[in-house]
C-alpha atoms as a PDB file:
ATOM      1  CA  MET A   1      72.067  91.881 107.443  1.00  0.00           C
ATOM      2  CA  PRO A   2      71.463  95.379 106.304  1.00  0.00           C
ATOM      3  CA  VAL A   3      70.784  96.058 102.881  1.00  0.00           C
ATOM      4  CA  ARG A   4      73.151  98.265 100.909  1.00  0.00           C
ATOM      5  CA  LYS A   5      71.957 100.535  98.203  1.00  0.00           C
ATOM      6  CA  ILE A   6      74.453 100.117  95.155  1.00  0.00           C
ATOM      7  CA  LEU A   7      74.473 103.249  92.959  1.00  0.00           C
ATOM      8  CA  SER A   8      74.952 102.659  89.300  1.00  0.00           C
ATOM      9  CA  ASP A   9      73.329 105.478  87.524  1.00  0.00           C
ATOM     10  CA  PHE A  10      75.683 108.492  87.086  1.00  0.00           C
ATOM     11  CA  LYS A  11      73.480 111.099  88.181  1.00  0.00           C
ATOM     12  CA  GLU A  12      72.761 109.279  91.361  1.00  0.00           C
ATOM     13  CA  ILE A  13      76.299 108.628  91.889  1.00  0.00           C
ATOM     14  CA  VAL A  14      77.179 112.405  91.735  1.00  0.00           C
ATOM     15  CA  ASP A  15      74.179 113.658  93.439  1.00  0.00           C
ATOM     16  CA  PRO A  16      75.209 116.704  95.401  1.00  0.00           C
ATOM     17  CA  LYS A  17      73.739 115.480  98.730  1.00  0.00           C
ATOM     18  CA  HIS A  18      76.657 113.048  99.094  1.00  0.00           C
ATOM     19  CA  THR A  19      79.473 114.427  96.659  1.00  0.00           C
ATOM     20  CA  ALA A  20      82.387 116.388  97.491  1.00  0.00           C
ATOM     21  CA  LEU A  21      84.729 118.105  95.024  1.00  0.00           C
ATOM     22  CA  VAL A  22      88.502 117.897  95.339  1.00  0.00           C
ATOM     23  CA  ILE A  23      90.559 120.550  93.531  1.00  0.00           C
ATOM     24  CA  TRP A  24      94.363 119.085  93.786  1.00  0.00           C
ATOM     25  CA  ASP A  25      97.250 121.350  94.009  1.00  0.00           C
ATOM     26  CA  VAL A  26      96.368 124.278  91.919  1.00  0.00           C
ATOM     27  CA  GLN A  27      99.391 126.042  92.868  1.00  0.00           C
ATOM     28  CA  ASN A  28     101.085 128.880  90.719  1.00  0.00           C
ATOM     29  CA  LEU A  29     104.193 126.768  89.801  1.00  0.00           C
ATOM     30  CA  LEU A  30     102.367 123.739  88.799  1.00  0.00           C
ATOM     31  CA  VAL A  31      99.691 125.632  86.832  1.00  0.00           C
ATOM     32  CA  SER A  32     102.375 127.309  85.057  1.00  0.00           C
ATOM     33  CA  ARG A  33     103.875 124.076  83.790  1.00  0.00           C
ATOM     34  CA  ILE A  34     100.888 122.151  82.634  1.00  0.00           C
ATOM     35  CA  PHE A  35     100.419 121.534  78.988  1.00  0.00           C
ATOM     36  CA  ASN A  36      96.639 122.683  78.652  1.00  0.00           C
ATOM     37  CA  ARG A  37      96.636 125.584  81.048  1.00  0.00           C
ATOM     38  CA  GLU A  38      93.698 127.743  79.397  1.00  0.00           C
ATOM     39  CA  GLU A  39      91.388 124.892  78.912  1.00  0.00           C
ATOM     40  CA  PHE A  40      92.306 123.363  82.297  1.00  0.00           C
ATOM     41  CA  LEU A  41      91.453 126.754  84.254  1.00  0.00           C
ATOM     42  CA  LYS A  42      88.247 127.204  82.106  1.00  0.00           C
ATOM     43  CA  ASN A  43      86.921 123.887  83.046  1.00  0.00           C
ATOM     44  CA  VAL A  44      88.033 123.887  86.820  1.00  0.00           C
ATOM     45  CA  THR A  45      86.348 127.251  87.118  1.00  0.00           C
ATOM     46  CA  GLU A  46      83.176 125.741  85.556  1.00  0.00           C
ATOM     47  CA  LEU A  47      83.206 122.963  87.724  1.00  0.00           C
ATOM     48  CA  ILE A  48      83.663 125.022  91.051  1.00  0.00           C
ATOM     49  CA  ALA A  49      80.905 127.209  90.007  1.00  0.00           C
ATOM     50  CA  LYS A  50      78.598 124.369  89.473  1.00  0.00           C
ATOM     51  CA  ALA A  51      79.555 122.803  92.582  1.00  0.00           C
ATOM     52  CA  ARG A  52      79.099 125.922  94.703  1.00  0.00           C
ATOM     53  CA  LYS A  53      75.711 126.541  93.077  1.00  0.00           C
ATOM     54  CA  ALA A  54      74.822 122.759  93.997  1.00  0.00           C
ATOM     55  CA  ASP A  55      76.110 123.325  97.560  1.00  0.00           C
ATOM     56  CA  ILE A  56      78.711 120.617  97.230  1.00  0.00           C
ATOM     57  CA  PRO A  57      81.644 121.005  99.600  1.00  0.00           C
ATOM     58  CA  ILE A  58      85.014 121.899  97.833  1.00  0.00           C
ATOM     59  CA  PHE A  59      88.300 120.838  99.192  1.00  0.00           C
ATOM     60  CA  PHE A  60      91.595 122.428  97.926  1.00  0.00           C
ATOM     61  CA  THR A  61      94.787 120.777  98.537  1.00  0.00           C
ATOM     62  CA  LYS A  62      98.014 122.594  98.881  1.00  0.00           C
ATOM     63  CA  ILE A  63     101.504 120.942  98.883  1.00  0.00           C
ATOM     64  CA  THR A  64     103.105 121.928 102.062  1.00  0.00           C
ATOM     65  CA  PRO A  65     106.483 120.201 102.307  1.00  0.00           C
ATOM     66  CA  LEU A  66     107.841 119.072 105.780  1.00  0.00           C
ATOM     67  CA  PRO A  67     110.921 120.731 107.052  1.00  0.00           C
ATOM     68  CA  GLU A  68     113.917 118.733 105.681  1.00  0.00           C
ATOM     69  CA  ARG A  69     114.858 117.324 108.873  1.00  0.00           C
ATOM     70  CA  PHE A  70     111.579 115.702 109.288  1.00  0.00           C
ATOM     71  CA  GLU A  71     111.111 114.538 105.805  1.00  0.00           C
ATOM     72  CA  SER A  72     111.911 110.920 104.728  1.00  0.00           C
ATOM     73  CA  ALA A  73     115.001 109.976 103.000  1.00  0.00           C
ATOM     74  CA  PRO A  74     113.291 108.469 100.038  1.00  0.00           C
ATOM     75  CA  ARG A  75     110.925 111.551  99.442  1.00  0.00           C
ATOM     76  CA  LEU A  76     113.923 113.862  99.924  1.00  0.00           C
ATOM     77  CA  SER A  77     116.007 111.903  97.293  1.00  0.00           C
ATOM     78  CA  GLN A  78     112.948 112.468  95.012  1.00  0.00           C
ATOM     79  CA  ARG A  79     112.475 116.298  95.537  1.00  0.00           C
ATOM     80  CA  ARG A  80     111.904 117.966  92.311  1.00  0.00           C
ATOM     81  CA  PHE A  81     112.588 121.414  93.557  1.00  0.00           C
ATOM     82  CA  PRO A  82     116.029 121.292  95.552  1.00  0.00           C
ATOM     83  CA  GLY A  83     116.373 124.713  97.194  1.00  0.00           C
ATOM     84  CA  GLY A  84     112.956 125.109  97.945  1.00  0.00           C
ATOM     85  CA  LEU A  85     110.074 127.168  96.438  1.00  0.00           C
ATOM     86  CA  THR A  86     109.058 130.751  96.692  1.00  0.00           C
ATOM     87  CA  PRO A  87     105.737 131.787  98.708  1.00  0.00           C
ATOM     88  CA  GLU A  88     104.350 133.059  95.425  1.00  0.00           C
ATOM     89  CA  GLN A  89     105.046 129.689  93.669  1.00  0.00           C
ATOM     90  CA  MET A  90     103.124 127.905  96.392  1.00  0.00           C
ATOM     91  CA  GLU A  91      99.990 130.164  96.189  1.00  0.00           C
ATOM     92  CA  LEU A  92      96.885 128.762  94.942  1.00  0.00           C
ATOM     93  CA  SER A  93      96.052 130.113  91.387  1.00  0.00           C
ATOM     94  CA  ILE A  94      92.312 129.438  92.063  1.00  0.00           C
ATOM     95  CA  ARG A  95      91.271 131.245  95.305  1.00  0.00           C
ATOM     96  CA  PRO A  96      89.087 129.271  97.683  1.00  0.00           C
ATOM     97  CA  ALA A  97      85.807 130.814  98.789  1.00  0.00           C
ATOM     98  CA  GLU A  98      84.403 131.231 102.187  1.00  0.00           C
ATOM     99  CA  GLY A  99      83.238 127.679 103.253  1.00  0.00           C
ATOM    100  CA  ASP A 100      85.860 125.907 101.110  1.00  0.00           C
ATOM    101  CA  VAL A 101      88.406 123.736 102.851  1.00  0.00           C
ATOM    102  CA  VAL A 102      92.014 124.046 102.324  1.00  0.00           C
ATOM    103  CA  LEU A 103      94.039 120.988 103.214  1.00  0.00           C
ATOM    104  CA  LEU A 104      97.592 121.221 103.791  1.00  0.00           C
ATOM    105  CA  LYS A 105      99.299 118.123 102.821  1.00  0.00           C
ATOM    106  CA  ASN A 106     102.838 116.503 102.599  1.00  0.00           C
ATOM    107  CA  THR A 107     102.186 113.511 100.284  1.00  0.00           C
ATOM    108  CA  ALA A 108     100.625 112.749  96.882  1.00  0.00           C
ATOM    109  CA  ASN A 109      97.678 111.188  98.636  1.00  0.00           C
ATOM    110  CA  ILE A 110      94.769 113.133 100.147  1.00  0.00           C
ATOM    111  CA  PHE A 111      94.178 110.472 102.822  1.00  0.00           C
ATOM    112  CA  ILE A 112      97.501 110.391 104.282  1.00  0.00           C
ATOM    113  CA  GLY A 113      98.521 112.837 107.023  1.00  0.00           C
ATOM    114  CA  THR A 114      95.195 114.851 106.710  1.00  0.00           C
ATOM    115  CA  ASN A 115      91.823 114.710 108.394  1.00  0.00           C
ATOM    116  CA  PHE A 116      90.141 114.534 104.877  1.00  0.00           C
ATOM    117  CA  GLU A 117      88.531 111.065 105.326  1.00  0.00           C
ATOM    118  CA  LEU A 118      87.288 111.984 108.743  1.00  0.00           C
ATOM    119  CA  MET A 119      85.799 114.970 107.410  1.00  0.00           C
ATOM    120  CA  ILE A 120      83.909 113.392 104.470  1.00  0.00           C
ATOM    121  CA  ARG A 121      82.577 110.463 106.492  1.00  0.00           C
ATOM    122  CA  ASN A 122      81.301 112.925 109.157  1.00  0.00           C
ATOM    123  CA  ALA A 123      79.447 114.802 106.408  1.00  0.00           C
ATOM    124  CA  GLY A 124      77.991 111.547 104.781  1.00  0.00           C
ATOM    125  CA  ILE A 125      79.941 111.993 101.524  1.00  0.00           C
ATOM    126  CA  GLN A 126      79.946 108.836  99.477  1.00  0.00           C
ATOM    127  CA  THR A 127      81.312 110.351  96.202  1.00  0.00           C
ATOM    128  CA  ILE A 128      84.644 112.226  95.599  1.00  0.00           C
ATOM    129  CA  VAL A 129      85.112 113.983  92.358  1.00  0.00           C
ATOM    130  CA  PHE A 130      88.665 114.697  91.589  1.00  0.00           C
ATOM    131  CA  SER A 131      90.217 117.624  89.742  1.00  0.00           C
ATOM    132  CA  GLY A 132      93.735 119.312  89.552  1.00  0.00           C
ATOM    133  CA  ILE A 133      97.301 118.784  88.993  1.00  0.00           C
ATOM    134  CA  ALA A 134      99.127 116.184  88.285  1.00  0.00           C
ATOM    135  CA  THR A 135      97.090 113.614  87.009  1.00  0.00           C
ATOM    136  CA  GLU A 136      99.653 110.661  87.160  1.00  0.00           C
ATOM    137  CA  ILE A 137     100.855 111.690  90.612  1.00  0.00           C
ATOM    138  CA  GLY A 138      98.450 113.062  93.184  1.00  0.00           C
ATOM    139  CA  ILE A 139      95.170 112.671  91.261  1.00  0.00           C
ATOM    140  CA  GLU A 140      95.729 109.007  90.545  1.00  0.00           C
ATOM    141  CA  SER A 141      97.281 108.045  93.836  1.00  0.00           C
ATOM    142  CA  SER A 142      94.358 109.616  95.569  1.00  0.00           C
ATOM    143  CA  ALA A 143      91.664 108.345  93.335  1.00  0.00           C
ATOM    144  CA  ARG A 144      92.817 104.747  93.569  1.00  0.00           C
ATOM    145  CA  ASP A 145      92.841 105.134  97.378  1.00  0.00           C
ATOM    146  CA  SER A 146      89.410 106.753  97.397  1.00  0.00           C
ATOM    147  CA  LEU A 147      88.024 103.677  95.592  1.00  0.00           C
ATOM    148  CA  ASN A 148      90.065 101.380  98.011  1.00  0.00           C
ATOM    149  CA  ARG A 149      88.298 103.053 101.106  1.00  0.00           C
ATOM    150  CA  GLY A 150      84.970 102.690  99.707  1.00  0.00           C
ATOM    151  CA  PHE A 151      84.130 105.783  97.971  1.00  0.00           C
ATOM    152  CA  TYR A 152      82.491 106.312  94.540  1.00  0.00           C
ATOM    153  CA  THR A 153      85.329 108.033  92.772  1.00  0.00           C
ATOM    154  CA  VAL A 154      85.068 110.264  89.753  1.00  0.00           C
ATOM    155  CA  VAL A 155      88.149 111.816  87.851  1.00  0.00           C
ATOM    156  CA  VAL A 156      87.382 114.908  85.564  1.00  0.00           C
ATOM    157  CA  GLU A 157      89.215 114.020  82.462  1.00  0.00           C
ATOM    158  CA  ASP A 158      89.266 117.737  81.056  1.00  0.00           C
ATOM    159  CA  ALA A 159      89.734 119.267  84.498  1.00  0.00           C
ATOM    160  CA  VAL A 160      92.939 117.508  85.412  1.00  0.00           C
ATOM    161  CA  SER A 161      96.406 118.008  83.960  1.00  0.00           C
ATOM    162  CA  SER A 162     100.187 117.566  84.191  1.00  0.00           C
ATOM    163  CA  ALA A 163     103.460 119.047  82.772  1.00  0.00           C
ATOM    164  CA  ASP A 164     103.825 115.643  81.183  1.00  0.00           C
ATOM    165  CA  LYS A 165     101.169 115.199  78.603  1.00  0.00           C
ATOM    166  CA  ALA A 166     101.947 111.611  77.817  1.00  0.00           C
ATOM    167  CA  ALA A 167     102.007 110.670  81.592  1.00  0.00           C
ATOM    168  CA  HIS A 168      98.741 112.413  81.955  1.00  0.00           C
ATOM    169  CA  GLU A 169      96.992 110.382  79.082  1.00  0.00           C
ATOM    170  CA  ARG A 170      98.546 107.061  80.391  1.00  0.00           C
ATOM    171  CA  SER A 171      97.165 107.816  83.827  1.00  0.00           C
ATOM    172  CA  LEU A 172      93.610 108.613  82.468  1.00  0.00           C
ATOM    173  CA  ALA A 173      93.828 105.305  80.401  1.00  0.00           C
ATOM    174  CA  ASN A 174      94.715 103.435  83.648  1.00  0.00           C
ATOM    175  CA  MET A 175      91.999 105.060  85.623  1.00  0.00           C
ATOM    176  CA  ARG A 176      89.428 104.442  83.069  1.00  0.00           C
ATOM    177  CA  ASN A 177      89.933 100.834  83.793  1.00  0.00           C
ATOM    178  CA  MET A 178      88.719 100.995  87.438  1.00  0.00           C
ATOM    179  CA  LEU A 179      87.239 104.485  87.942  1.00  0.00           C
ATOM    180  CA  ILE A 180      84.529 106.722  86.577  1.00  0.00           C
ATOM    181  CA  VAL A 181      86.228 109.150  84.186  1.00  0.00           C
ATOM    182  CA  LYS A 182      83.974 111.959  82.860  1.00  0.00           C
ATOM    183  CA  GLY A 183      84.194 115.318  81.269  1.00  0.00           C
ATOM    184  CA  THR A 184      83.219 118.745  83.012  1.00  0.00           C
ATOM    185  CA  SER A 185      80.131 119.135  80.946  1.00  0.00           C
ATOM    186  CA  GLU A 186      78.703 115.513  81.913  1.00  0.00           C
ATOM    187  CA  ILE A 187      79.388 116.471  85.573  1.00  0.00           C
ATOM    188  CA  ALA A 188      78.006 119.791  85.411  1.00  0.00           C
ATOM    189  CA  GLU A 189      74.862 118.422  83.639  1.00  0.00           C
ATOM    190  CA  ALA A 190      74.454 116.032  86.301  1.00  0.00           C
ATOM    191  CA  TRP A 191      74.732 118.717  89.139  1.00  0.00           C
END
């Protein structure tokens, strides 16, 4: 039976050789509604700069609603923005650089309906670091699924946000019980 190496040291877990950074849904509409906009943008920008310097792959996600005819009835019943959104509202507030990957997605989970898992497994990624909006929706859903799929999973507590501060804080508390939750400076120092 092959021997697996179980990583326990944080610096080893986030080693740039096997880590990817996800920047979740930093679209203009969402960024304009969060409770800690300035701090969030500062921390995400710092995280991206450190990741680029360490040659860590960066994946931006972008909400891309399905045409109404092809969307599920339960998801349609929960649509937060009836009537649709403008192209400007849907643009990313932080621009990806050449080499970054932009994943168009239709759900609040990075693994559903995208080639993300195939791409990161092909690249030998073992650790996924999550940042973005909204903590209690796409971040928590994707982070839990990441752990369930066998990836080391890190949530950057001061580089995630929400329009609902209380929900954001509850979500971080939930995730601390099962995932690694660290601040931007701790992660930047490890990179």
